[in-house]
Amino acid sequence: MKQIGIVAKRNRPPALRLARKLTTWLRRRRRTVLLENEAATALRLAGGVTKQEMMKRADLVIVLGGDGTLLSVARHSGPRRVPVLGINMGGLGFLTDVRPEEAFQAIERVLAGHYRLERRSMLDTCVMRGGKPLRRFQALNDVVINKGALARILDLETSVDGVPLCTYKADGLILSTPTGSTAYSLSAGGAIVEPSIGVLLILPICPHTLTQRPIVLPERSHVRIAVCSPDEDVVLTIDGQEGMELATDDVVAVRPAKHRVHLVRSPEHSFFELLRTKLRWGER
């Protein structure tokens, strides 16, 4: 591992301070450091790169921030198997499970080749308008179709692998990966899914009928959702961070992404430990 990417949450001073220390520490070990543009600007260091370029060049990417910062990096994953190590400088920390005080020790282990990778599935989303592709996104957590503040109930005609499923009448619809099952999906009443299980979750948001409940599909499923509500304010959101407004008759096509995210996981922290410590699972 010769080229090390560093992404730090720019509005969190402890993350920037740790980024500066790591930059010096890695350069002393004759590693080339690729600082993400915003972190480089905040630290007044030259030679910043975009996240997309970083994922193309780096042998390891270190994320200093919360889960949201890691999500913004993961969406740029491509065919290269780039390990992503998350240092939790934020709050909950399901994806960034290494504590700041463990950072140097954890990175030392990774550079020595002693680490465990988890392959996390992603969703490829294409918005079609008039039968033609308009925009394409990748999501690690979820794809959400939601109504605006003043919109009425949405009609979302949904099919799976070309077979009609139903027309959801709800405030919106969540399509979630196992990784995203502890995010918005959980808040909407979905089940928690262990990340290695290959499934796709579909959850209506506040459905207006008792016959429309969450459903679990095989990971390989191709889902198409047509917006049938005329003149409504409808928004598509990817991982809660990017998206676009949808128009009547737009189609959102969701399928498994070709590439996966490769997360470096701490041997000291299992998924079930995270449930107990982060969500206080099982406590009264």
C-alpha atoms as a PDB file:
ATOM      1  CA  MET A   1       0.000   0.000   0.000  1.00  0.00           C
ATOM      2  CA  LYS A   2       1.896   3.003  -1.315  1.00  0.00           C
ATOM      3  CA  GLN A   3      -0.827   5.590  -1.983  1.00  0.00           C
ATOM      4  CA  ILE A   4      -3.096   6.382   0.962  1.00  0.00           C
ATOM      5  CA  GLY A   5      -6.215   8.517   0.561  1.00  0.00           C
ATOM      6  CA  ILE A   6      -7.515  10.606   3.460  1.00  0.00           C
ATOM      7  CA  VAL A   7     -11.021  12.082   3.636  1.00  0.00           C
ATOM      8  CA  ALA A   8     -11.840  14.222   6.677  1.00  0.00           C
ATOM      9  CA  LYS A   9     -15.063  15.941   7.679  1.00  0.00           C
ATOM     10  CA  ARG A  10     -14.193  19.562   7.029  1.00  0.00           C
ATOM     11  CA  ASN A  11     -16.402  21.125   9.720  1.00  0.00           C
ATOM     12  CA  ARG A  12     -15.098  18.883  12.516  1.00  0.00           C
ATOM     13  CA  PRO A  13     -11.789  20.248  13.912  1.00  0.00           C
ATOM     14  CA  PRO A  14     -10.747  16.960  15.625  1.00  0.00           C
ATOM     15  CA  ALA A  15     -11.032  15.177  12.257  1.00  0.00           C
ATOM     16  CA  LEU A  16      -8.867  17.804  10.554  1.00  0.00           C
ATOM     17  CA  ARG A  17      -6.276  17.680  13.329  1.00  0.00           C
ATOM     18  CA  LEU A  18      -6.084  13.900  13.030  1.00  0.00           C
ATOM     19  CA  ALA A  19      -5.819  14.218   9.224  1.00  0.00           C
ATOM     20  CA  ARG A  20      -2.791  16.490   9.614  1.00  0.00           C
ATOM     21  CA  LYS A  21      -1.121  14.089  12.067  1.00  0.00           C
ATOM     22  CA  LEU A  22      -1.831  11.109   9.812  1.00  0.00           C
ATOM     23  CA  THR A  23      -0.437  12.933   6.782  1.00  0.00           C
ATOM     24  CA  THR A  24       2.872  13.550   8.562  1.00  0.00           C
ATOM     25  CA  TRP A  25       2.931  10.027  10.035  1.00  0.00           C
ATOM     26  CA  LEU A  26       2.312   8.349   6.661  1.00  0.00           C
ATOM     27  CA  ARG A  27       4.840  10.480   4.797  1.00  0.00           C
ATOM     28  CA  ARG A  28       7.496   9.513   7.335  1.00  0.00           C
ATOM     29  CA  ARG A  29       6.720   5.934   6.351  1.00  0.00           C
ATOM     30  CA  ARG A  30       7.316   6.815   2.692  1.00  0.00           C
ATOM     31  CA  ARG A  31       3.681   6.672   1.698  1.00  0.00           C
ATOM     32  CA  THR A  32       2.129   9.056  -0.811  1.00  0.00           C
ATOM     33  CA  VAL A  33      -0.838  10.826   0.786  1.00  0.00           C
ATOM     34  CA  LEU A  34      -3.846  11.760  -1.350  1.00  0.00           C
ATOM     35  CA  LEU A  35      -5.890  14.340   0.564  1.00  0.00           C
ATOM     36  CA  GLU A  36      -9.464  14.926  -0.534  1.00  0.00           C
ATOM     37  CA  ASN A  37     -10.003  18.447  -1.880  1.00  0.00           C
ATOM     38  CA  GLU A  38     -12.044  19.846   1.022  1.00  0.00           C
ATOM     39  CA  ALA A  39      -9.644  18.504   3.651  1.00  0.00           C
ATOM     40  CA  ALA A  40      -6.632  19.799   1.711  1.00  0.00           C
ATOM     41  CA  THR A  41      -8.213  23.258   1.507  1.00  0.00           C
ATOM     42  CA  ALA A  42      -9.107  23.305   5.217  1.00  0.00           C
ATOM     43  CA  LEU A  43      -5.555  22.261   6.132  1.00  0.00           C
ATOM     44  CA  ARG A  44      -4.035  24.660   3.583  1.00  0.00           C
ATOM     45  CA  LEU A  45      -2.155  21.846   1.887  1.00  0.00           C
ATOM     46  CA  ALA A  46      -1.640  21.612  -1.868  1.00  0.00           C
ATOM     47  CA  GLY A  47      -2.380  18.656  -4.113  1.00  0.00           C
ATOM     48  CA  GLY A  48      -5.966  17.807  -3.148  1.00  0.00           C
ATOM     49  CA  VAL A  49      -7.916  15.273  -5.237  1.00  0.00           C
ATOM     50  CA  THR A  50     -11.593  14.483  -5.762  1.00  0.00           C
ATOM     51  CA  LYS A  51     -13.152  11.458  -4.092  1.00  0.00           C
ATOM     52  CA  GLN A  52     -13.643   9.856  -7.489  1.00  0.00           C
ATOM     53  CA  GLU A  53      -9.975  10.278  -8.391  1.00  0.00           C
ATOM     54  CA  MET A  54      -8.950   9.027  -4.964  1.00  0.00           C
ATOM     55  CA  MET A  55     -10.892   5.782  -5.410  1.00  0.00           C
ATOM     56  CA  LYS A  56      -9.134   5.282  -8.739  1.00  0.00           C
ATOM     57  CA  ARG A  57      -5.616   5.835  -7.397  1.00  0.00           C
ATOM     58  CA  ALA A  58      -5.452   4.954  -3.697  1.00  0.00           C
ATOM     59  CA  ASP A  59      -4.439   1.571  -2.280  1.00  0.00           C
ATOM     60  CA  LEU A  60      -6.218   2.429   0.979  1.00  0.00           C
ATOM     61  CA  VAL A  61      -8.726   5.155   1.847  1.00  0.00           C
ATOM     62  CA  ILE A  62      -8.985   6.432   5.435  1.00  0.00           C
ATOM     63  CA  VAL A  63     -12.228   8.231   6.317  1.00  0.00           C
ATOM     64  CA  LEU A  64     -12.213  10.559   9.332  1.00  0.00           C
ATOM     65  CA  GLY A  65     -15.797  11.418  10.171  1.00  0.00           C
ATOM     66  CA  GLY A  66     -19.136   9.747  10.689  1.00  0.00           C
ATOM     67  CA  ASP A  67     -21.120   7.282   8.618  1.00  0.00           C
ATOM     68  CA  GLY A  68     -22.276  10.096   6.330  1.00  0.00           C
ATOM     69  CA  THR A  69     -18.702  10.942   5.381  1.00  0.00           C
ATOM     70  CA  LEU A  70     -18.013   7.299   4.573  1.00  0.00           C
ATOM     71  CA  LEU A  71     -21.196   7.063   2.491  1.00  0.00           C
ATOM     72  CA  SER A  72     -20.026  10.009   0.385  1.00  0.00           C
ATOM     73  CA  VAL A  73     -16.816   8.084  -0.376  1.00  0.00           C
ATOM     74  CA  ALA A  74     -18.423   4.679  -0.930  1.00  0.00           C
ATOM     75  CA  ARG A  75     -20.663   5.928  -3.738  1.00  0.00           C
ATOM     76  CA  HIS A  76     -17.530   6.491  -5.855  1.00  0.00           C
ATOM     77  CA  SER A  77     -16.460   2.840  -5.622  1.00  0.00           C
ATOM     78  CA  GLY A  78     -15.467   1.275  -8.914  1.00  0.00           C
ATOM     79  CA  PRO A  79     -13.903  -1.948 -10.178  1.00  0.00           C
ATOM     80  CA  ARG A  80     -10.755  -1.589  -8.032  1.00  0.00           C
ATOM     81  CA  ARG A  81     -10.873  -3.374  -4.685  1.00  0.00           C
ATOM     82  CA  VAL A  82      -9.931  -0.402  -2.501  1.00  0.00           C
ATOM     83  CA  PRO A  83     -10.079  -1.021   1.278  1.00  0.00           C
ATOM     84  CA  VAL A  84     -11.923   1.769   3.110  1.00  0.00           C
ATOM     85  CA  LEU A  85     -11.113   2.277   6.799  1.00  0.00           C
ATOM     86  CA  GLY A  86     -13.534   4.419   8.795  1.00  0.00           C
ATOM     87  CA  ILE A  87     -12.372   6.285  11.905  1.00  0.00           C
ATOM     88  CA  ASN A  88     -15.439   7.387  13.883  1.00  0.00           C
ATOM     89  CA  MET A  89     -15.235  11.144  14.468  1.00  0.00           C
ATOM     90  CA  GLY A  90     -18.997  11.502  14.361  1.00  0.00           C
ATOM     91  CA  GLY A  91     -21.911  10.096  16.303  1.00  0.00           C
ATOM     92  CA  LEU A  92     -23.416   6.648  15.803  1.00  0.00           C
ATOM     93  CA  GLY A  93     -20.661   5.025  13.778  1.00  0.00           C
ATOM     94  CA  PHE A  94     -22.064   1.811  12.261  1.00  0.00           C
ATOM     95  CA  LEU A  95     -19.712   2.024   9.280  1.00  0.00           C
ATOM     96  CA  THR A  96     -16.888   3.933  10.962  1.00  0.00           C
ATOM     97  CA  ASP A  97     -16.321   1.606  13.892  1.00  0.00           C
ATOM     98  CA  VAL A  98     -12.668   2.413  14.763  1.00  0.00           C
ATOM     99  CA  ARG A  99     -12.310   4.913  17.609  1.00  0.00           C
ATOM    100  CA  PRO A 100      -9.881   7.858  17.183  1.00  0.00           C
ATOM    101  CA  GLU A 101      -7.560   6.534  19.883  1.00  0.00           C
ATOM    102  CA  GLU A 102      -7.292   3.265  17.910  1.00  0.00           C
ATOM    103  CA  ALA A 103      -6.533   4.982  14.595  1.00  0.00           C
ATOM    104  CA  PHE A 104      -2.749   4.669  14.353  1.00  0.00           C
ATOM    105  CA  GLN A 105      -2.734   1.086  15.623  1.00  0.00           C
ATOM    106  CA  ALA A 106      -5.498   0.107  13.187  1.00  0.00           C
ATOM    107  CA  ILE A 107      -3.732   1.736  10.220  1.00  0.00           C
ATOM    108  CA  GLU A 108      -0.454   0.080  11.203  1.00  0.00           C
ATOM    109  CA  ARG A 109      -2.170  -3.314  11.066  1.00  0.00           C
ATOM    110  CA  VAL A 110      -3.686  -2.575   7.670  1.00  0.00           C
ATOM    111  CA  LEU A 111      -0.363  -1.425   6.204  1.00  0.00           C
ATOM    112  CA  ALA A 112       1.185  -4.658   7.485  1.00  0.00           C
ATOM    113  CA  GLY A 113      -1.517  -6.673   5.727  1.00  0.00           C
ATOM    114  CA  HIS A 114      -3.343  -7.766   8.889  1.00  0.00           C
ATOM    115  CA  TYR A 115      -6.967  -6.795   8.382  1.00  0.00           C
ATOM    116  CA  ARG A 116     -10.428  -8.159   7.609  1.00  0.00           C
ATOM    117  CA  LEU A 117     -12.566  -6.910   4.731  1.00  0.00           C
ATOM    118  CA  GLU A 118     -16.342  -6.892   4.472  1.00  0.00           C
ATOM    119  CA  ARG A 119     -17.831  -6.666   0.988  1.00  0.00           C
ATOM    120  CA  ARG A 120     -20.950  -4.489   1.143  1.00  0.00           C
ATOM    121  CA  SER A 121     -23.460  -4.514  -1.714  1.00  0.00           C
ATOM    122  CA  MET A 122     -24.651  -1.304  -3.355  1.00  0.00           C
ATOM    123  CA  LEU A 123     -27.613  -0.294  -5.494  1.00  0.00           C
ATOM    124  CA  ASP A 124     -27.405   1.101  -9.017  1.00  0.00           C
ATOM    125  CA  THR A 125     -30.249   3.537  -9.705  1.00  0.00           C
ATOM    126  CA  CYS A 126     -31.262   4.977 -13.072  1.00  0.00           C
ATOM    127  CA  VAL A 127     -33.948   7.624 -13.508  1.00  0.00           C
ATOM    128  CA  MET A 128     -35.797   7.289 -16.822  1.00  0.00           C
ATOM    129  CA  ARG A 129     -37.815  10.116 -18.350  1.00  0.00           C
ATOM    130  CA  GLY A 130     -39.695   9.620 -21.576  1.00  0.00           C
ATOM    131  CA  GLY A 131     -38.108   6.185 -21.877  1.00  0.00           C
ATOM    132  CA  LYS A 132     -34.569   7.596 -21.871  1.00  0.00           C
ATOM    133  CA  PRO A 133     -31.957   7.501 -19.085  1.00  0.00           C
ATOM    134  CA  LEU A 134     -31.745  10.868 -17.336  1.00  0.00           C
ATOM    135  CA  ARG A 135     -29.435  10.361 -14.321  1.00  0.00           C
ATOM    136  CA  ARG A 136     -27.657   7.478 -12.628  1.00  0.00           C
ATOM    137  CA  PHE A 137     -26.640   7.028  -8.992  1.00  0.00           C
ATOM    138  CA  GLN A 138     -24.952   4.499  -6.705  1.00  0.00           C
ATOM    139  CA  ALA A 139     -26.170   3.952  -3.132  1.00  0.00           C
ATOM    140  CA  LEU A 140     -24.643   2.066  -0.222  1.00  0.00           C
ATOM    141  CA  ASN A 141     -27.529   2.598   2.215  1.00  0.00           C
ATOM    142  CA  ASP A 142     -30.765   3.307   0.437  1.00  0.00           C
ATOM    143  CA  VAL A 143     -32.775   4.769  -2.418  1.00  0.00           C
ATOM    144  CA  VAL A 144     -35.784   6.761  -1.226  1.00  0.00           C
ATOM    145  CA  ILE A 145     -38.745   8.190  -3.124  1.00  0.00           C
ATOM    146  CA  ASN A 146     -40.520  10.685  -0.920  1.00  0.00           C
ATOM    147  CA  LYS A 147     -43.183  13.341  -1.154  1.00  0.00           C
ATOM    148  CA  GLY A 148     -42.521  17.014  -0.594  1.00  0.00           C
ATOM    149  CA  ALA A 149     -43.919  19.068   2.257  1.00  0.00           C
ATOM    150  CA  LEU A 150     -47.264  19.843   0.604  1.00  0.00           C
ATOM    151  CA  ALA A 151     -47.734  16.761  -1.577  1.00  0.00           C
ATOM    152  CA  ARG A 152     -50.572  14.299  -1.096  1.00  0.00           C
ATOM    153  CA  ILE A 153     -50.353  10.505  -1.030  1.00  0.00           C
ATOM    154  CA  LEU A 154     -48.080   9.128  -3.748  1.00  0.00           C
ATOM    155  CA  ASP A 155     -49.023   6.385  -6.200  1.00  0.00           C
ATOM    156  CA  LEU A 156     -45.879   4.372  -6.987  1.00  0.00           C
ATOM    157  CA  GLU A 157     -46.421   1.538  -9.462  1.00  0.00           C
ATOM    158  CA  THR A 158     -43.810  -1.083  -8.635  1.00  0.00           C
ATOM    159  CA  SER A 159     -42.634  -4.204 -10.464  1.00  0.00           C
ATOM    160  CA  VAL A 160     -39.927  -6.775  -9.659  1.00  0.00           C
ATOM    161  CA  ASP A 161     -37.993  -8.489 -12.460  1.00  0.00           C
ATOM    162  CA  GLY A 162     -40.645  -7.355 -14.913  1.00  0.00           C
ATOM    163  CA  VAL A 163     -43.550  -8.768 -12.873  1.00  0.00           C
ATOM    164  CA  PRO A 164     -46.050  -6.290 -11.345  1.00  0.00           C
ATOM    165  CA  LEU A 165     -45.896  -6.174  -7.542  1.00  0.00           C
ATOM    166  CA  CYS A 166     -48.389  -3.457  -6.594  1.00  0.00           C
ATOM    167  CA  THR A 167     -49.082   0.249  -6.695  1.00  0.00           C
ATOM    168  CA  TYR A 168     -47.943   1.596  -3.356  1.00  0.00           C
ATOM    169  CA  LYS A 169     -50.172   4.285  -1.904  1.00  0.00           C
ATOM    170  CA  ALA A 170     -47.932   5.883   0.685  1.00  0.00           C
ATOM    171  CA  ASP A 171     -45.886   8.903   1.667  1.00  0.00           C
ATOM    172  CA  GLY A 172     -42.942   7.296  -0.089  1.00  0.00           C
ATOM    173  CA  LEU A 173     -40.880   4.164  -0.634  1.00  0.00           C
ATOM    174  CA  ILE A 174     -37.505   2.985   0.679  1.00  0.00           C
ATOM    175  CA  LEU A 175     -35.283   0.486  -1.123  1.00  0.00           C
ATOM    176  CA  SER A 176     -32.537  -0.530   1.273  1.00  0.00           C
ATOM    177  CA  THR A 177     -29.422  -2.680   1.250  1.00  0.00           C
ATOM    178  CA  PRO A 178     -28.541  -4.746   4.347  1.00  0.00           C
ATOM    179  CA  THR A 179     -26.056  -1.982   5.233  1.00  0.00           C
ATOM    180  CA  GLY A 180     -28.890   0.550   5.131  1.00  0.00           C
ATOM    181  CA  SER A 181     -31.174  -1.586   7.305  1.00  0.00           C
ATOM    182  CA  THR A 182     -29.905   0.256  10.404  1.00  0.00           C
ATOM    183  CA  ALA A 183     -30.539   3.673   8.834  1.00  0.00           C
ATOM    184  CA  TYR A 184     -33.794   5.200   7.482  1.00  0.00           C
ATOM    185  CA  SER A 185     -35.212   1.717   6.893  1.00  0.00           C
ATOM    186  CA  LEU A 186     -35.048   0.953  10.625  1.00  0.00           C
ATOM    187  CA  SER A 187     -36.805   4.226  11.476  1.00  0.00           C
ATOM    188  CA  ALA A 188     -39.587   3.302   9.037  1.00  0.00           C
ATOM    189  CA  GLY A 189     -40.199  -0.034  10.756  1.00  0.00           C
ATOM    190  CA  GLY A 190     -37.921  -2.310   8.726  1.00  0.00           C
ATOM    191  CA  ALA A 191     -35.979  -5.278  10.047  1.00  0.00           C
ATOM    192  CA  ILE A 192     -32.262  -5.136  10.884  1.00  0.00           C
ATOM    193  CA  VAL A 193     -30.350  -7.332   8.439  1.00  0.00           C
ATOM    194  CA  GLU A 194     -26.866  -8.742   9.087  1.00  0.00           C
ATOM    195  CA  PRO A 195     -24.699  -7.088   6.375  1.00  0.00           C
ATOM    196  CA  SER A 196     -23.417 -10.294   4.741  1.00  0.00           C
ATOM    197  CA  ILE A 197     -26.921 -11.491   3.785  1.00  0.00           C
ATOM    198  CA  GLY A 198     -27.749 -10.806   0.141  1.00  0.00           C
ATOM    199  CA  VAL A 199     -31.181  -9.192   0.171  1.00  0.00           C
ATOM    200  CA  LEU A 200     -33.004  -6.040  -0.918  1.00  0.00           C
ATOM    201  CA  LEU A 201     -35.598  -4.448   1.364  1.00  0.00           C
ATOM    202  CA  ILE A 202     -38.658  -2.537   0.109  1.00  0.00           C
ATOM    203  CA  LEU A 203     -40.505  -0.486   2.719  1.00  0.00           C
ATOM    204  CA  PRO A 204     -43.465   1.824   2.132  1.00  0.00           C
ATOM    205  CA  ILE A 205     -43.366   5.000   4.223  1.00  0.00           C
ATOM    206  CA  CYS A 206     -46.641   5.441   6.109  1.00  0.00           C
ATOM    207  CA  PRO A 207     -48.684   3.235   3.732  1.00  0.00           C
ATOM    208  CA  HIS A 208     -52.363   4.094   3.520  1.00  0.00           C
ATOM    209  CA  THR A 209     -53.510   0.466   3.460  1.00  0.00           C
ATOM    210  CA  LEU A 210     -52.867  -2.476   5.776  1.00  0.00           C
ATOM    211  CA  THR A 211     -52.082  -4.765   2.827  1.00  0.00           C
ATOM    212  CA  GLN A 212     -48.832  -2.962   1.942  1.00  0.00           C
ATOM    213  CA  ARG A 213     -46.061  -3.902   4.346  1.00  0.00           C
ATOM    214  CA  PRO A 214     -42.251  -4.251   4.073  1.00  0.00           C
ATOM    215  CA  ILE A 215     -41.019  -7.016   1.774  1.00  0.00           C
ATOM    216  CA  VAL A 216     -37.634  -8.761   1.453  1.00  0.00           C
ATOM    217  CA  LEU A 217     -36.362  -9.641  -2.029  1.00  0.00           C
ATOM    218  CA  PRO A 218     -33.290 -11.453  -3.332  1.00  0.00           C
ATOM    219  CA  GLU A 219     -30.299  -9.170  -3.799  1.00  0.00           C
ATOM    220  CA  ARG A 220     -30.288  -9.842  -7.564  1.00  0.00           C
ATOM    221  CA  SER A 221     -33.780  -8.332  -8.012  1.00  0.00           C
ATOM    222  CA  HIS A 222     -34.433  -5.546 -10.523  1.00  0.00           C
ATOM    223  CA  VAL A 223     -37.085  -3.136  -9.267  1.00  0.00           C
ATOM    224  CA  ARG A 224     -38.880  -0.523 -11.354  1.00  0.00           C
ATOM    225  CA  ILE A 225     -40.995   2.215  -9.774  1.00  0.00           C
ATOM    226  CA  ALA A 226     -43.179   4.486 -11.903  1.00  0.00           C
ATOM    227  CA  VAL A 227     -44.390   7.773 -10.436  1.00  0.00           C
ATOM    228  CA  CYS A 228     -48.126   7.840 -11.166  1.00  0.00           C
ATOM    229  CA  SER A 229     -49.154  10.806  -9.024  1.00  0.00           C
ATOM    230  CA  PRO A 230     -49.951  13.820 -11.236  1.00  0.00           C
ATOM    231  CA  ASP A 231     -48.726  17.269 -10.274  1.00  0.00           C
ATOM    232  CA  GLU A 232     -47.178  16.192  -6.990  1.00  0.00           C
ATOM    233  CA  ASP A 233     -43.899  17.230  -5.357  1.00  0.00           C
ATOM    234  CA  VAL A 234     -41.809  14.014  -5.496  1.00  0.00           C
ATOM    235  CA  VAL A 235     -38.136  13.713  -4.581  1.00  0.00           C
ATOM    236  CA  LEU A 236     -35.579  10.938  -5.098  1.00  0.00           C
ATOM    237  CA  THR A 237     -32.846  10.770  -2.438  1.00  0.00           C
ATOM    238  CA  ILE A 238     -29.691   8.645  -2.511  1.00  0.00           C
ATOM    239  CA  ASP A 239     -28.134   7.784   0.873  1.00  0.00           C
ATOM    240  CA  GLY A 240     -29.796  10.921   2.232  1.00  0.00           C
ATOM    241  CA  GLN A 241     -27.104  13.025   0.534  1.00  0.00           C
ATOM    242  CA  GLU A 242     -27.897  13.555  -3.138  1.00  0.00           C
ATOM    243  CA  GLY A 243     -30.845  13.213  -5.451  1.00  0.00           C
ATOM    244  CA  MET A 244     -33.284  15.022  -7.714  1.00  0.00           C
ATOM    245  CA  GLU A 245     -36.905  15.987  -8.205  1.00  0.00           C
ATOM    246  CA  LEU A 246     -39.083  13.480 -10.040  1.00  0.00           C
ATOM    247  CA  ALA A 247     -41.865  14.222 -12.489  1.00  0.00           C
ATOM    248  CA  THR A 248     -45.065  12.325 -13.267  1.00  0.00           C
ATOM    249  CA  ASP A 249     -44.359   9.179 -15.335  1.00  0.00           C
ATOM    250  CA  ASP A 250     -40.669   9.139 -14.381  1.00  0.00           C
ATOM    251  CA  VAL A 251     -39.379   5.618 -13.789  1.00  0.00           C
ATOM    252  CA  VAL A 252     -36.791   4.772 -11.127  1.00  0.00           C
ATOM    253  CA  ALA A 253     -34.982   1.544 -12.023  1.00  0.00           C
ATOM    254  CA  VAL A 254     -32.996  -0.057  -9.181  1.00  0.00           C
ATOM    255  CA  ARG A 255     -30.731  -3.073  -9.522  1.00  0.00           C
ATOM    256  CA  PRO A 256     -27.631  -4.464  -7.782  1.00  0.00           C
ATOM    257  CA  ALA A 257     -24.524  -2.430  -8.573  1.00  0.00           C
ATOM    258  CA  LYS A 258     -21.666  -4.121 -10.402  1.00  0.00           C
ATOM    259  CA  HIS A 259     -19.167  -3.091  -7.737  1.00  0.00           C
ATOM    260  CA  ARG A 260     -19.077  -3.435  -3.963  1.00  0.00           C
ATOM    261  CA  VAL A 261     -17.584  -1.400  -1.160  1.00  0.00           C
ATOM    262  CA  HIS A 262     -14.740  -3.093   0.730  1.00  0.00           C
ATOM    263  CA  LEU A 263     -14.793  -1.968   4.366  1.00  0.00           C
ATOM    264  CA  VAL A 264     -11.908  -2.642   6.728  1.00  0.00           C
ATOM    265  CA  ARG A 265     -13.489  -3.926   9.919  1.00  0.00           C
ATOM    266  CA  SER A 266     -11.984  -3.831  13.374  1.00  0.00           C
ATOM    267  CA  PRO A 267     -11.416  -7.325  14.828  1.00  0.00           C
ATOM    268  CA  GLU A 268     -12.472  -5.946  18.208  1.00  0.00           C
ATOM    269  CA  HIS A 269     -15.945  -4.883  17.059  1.00  0.00           C
ATOM    270  CA  SER A 270     -18.544  -7.327  15.687  1.00  0.00           C
ATOM    271  CA  PHE A 271     -21.877  -6.364  14.101  1.00  0.00           C
ATOM    272  CA  PHE A 272     -23.778  -7.638  17.135  1.00  0.00           C
ATOM    273  CA  GLU A 273     -21.547  -5.674  19.488  1.00  0.00           C
ATOM    274  CA  LEU A 274     -22.390  -2.574  17.460  1.00  0.00           C
ATOM    275  CA  LEU A 275     -26.094  -3.299  17.935  1.00  0.00           C
ATOM    276  CA  ARG A 276     -25.610  -3.573  21.688  1.00  0.00           C
ATOM    277  CA  THR A 277     -23.390  -0.519  22.088  1.00  0.00           C
ATOM    278  CA  LYS A 278     -24.819   1.820  19.456  1.00  0.00           C
ATOM    279  CA  LEU A 279     -28.534   0.958  19.617  1.00  0.00           C
ATOM    280  CA  ARG A 280     -28.493  -0.483  23.170  1.00  0.00           C
ATOM    281  CA  TRP A 281     -30.093  -3.587  21.704  1.00  0.00           C
ATOM    282  CA  GLY A 282     -31.956  -5.771  24.190  1.00  0.00           C
ATOM    283  CA  GLU A 283     -31.851  -3.248  27.046  1.00  0.00           C
ATOM    284  CA  ARG A 284     -34.998  -2.385  28.941  1.00  0.00           C
END
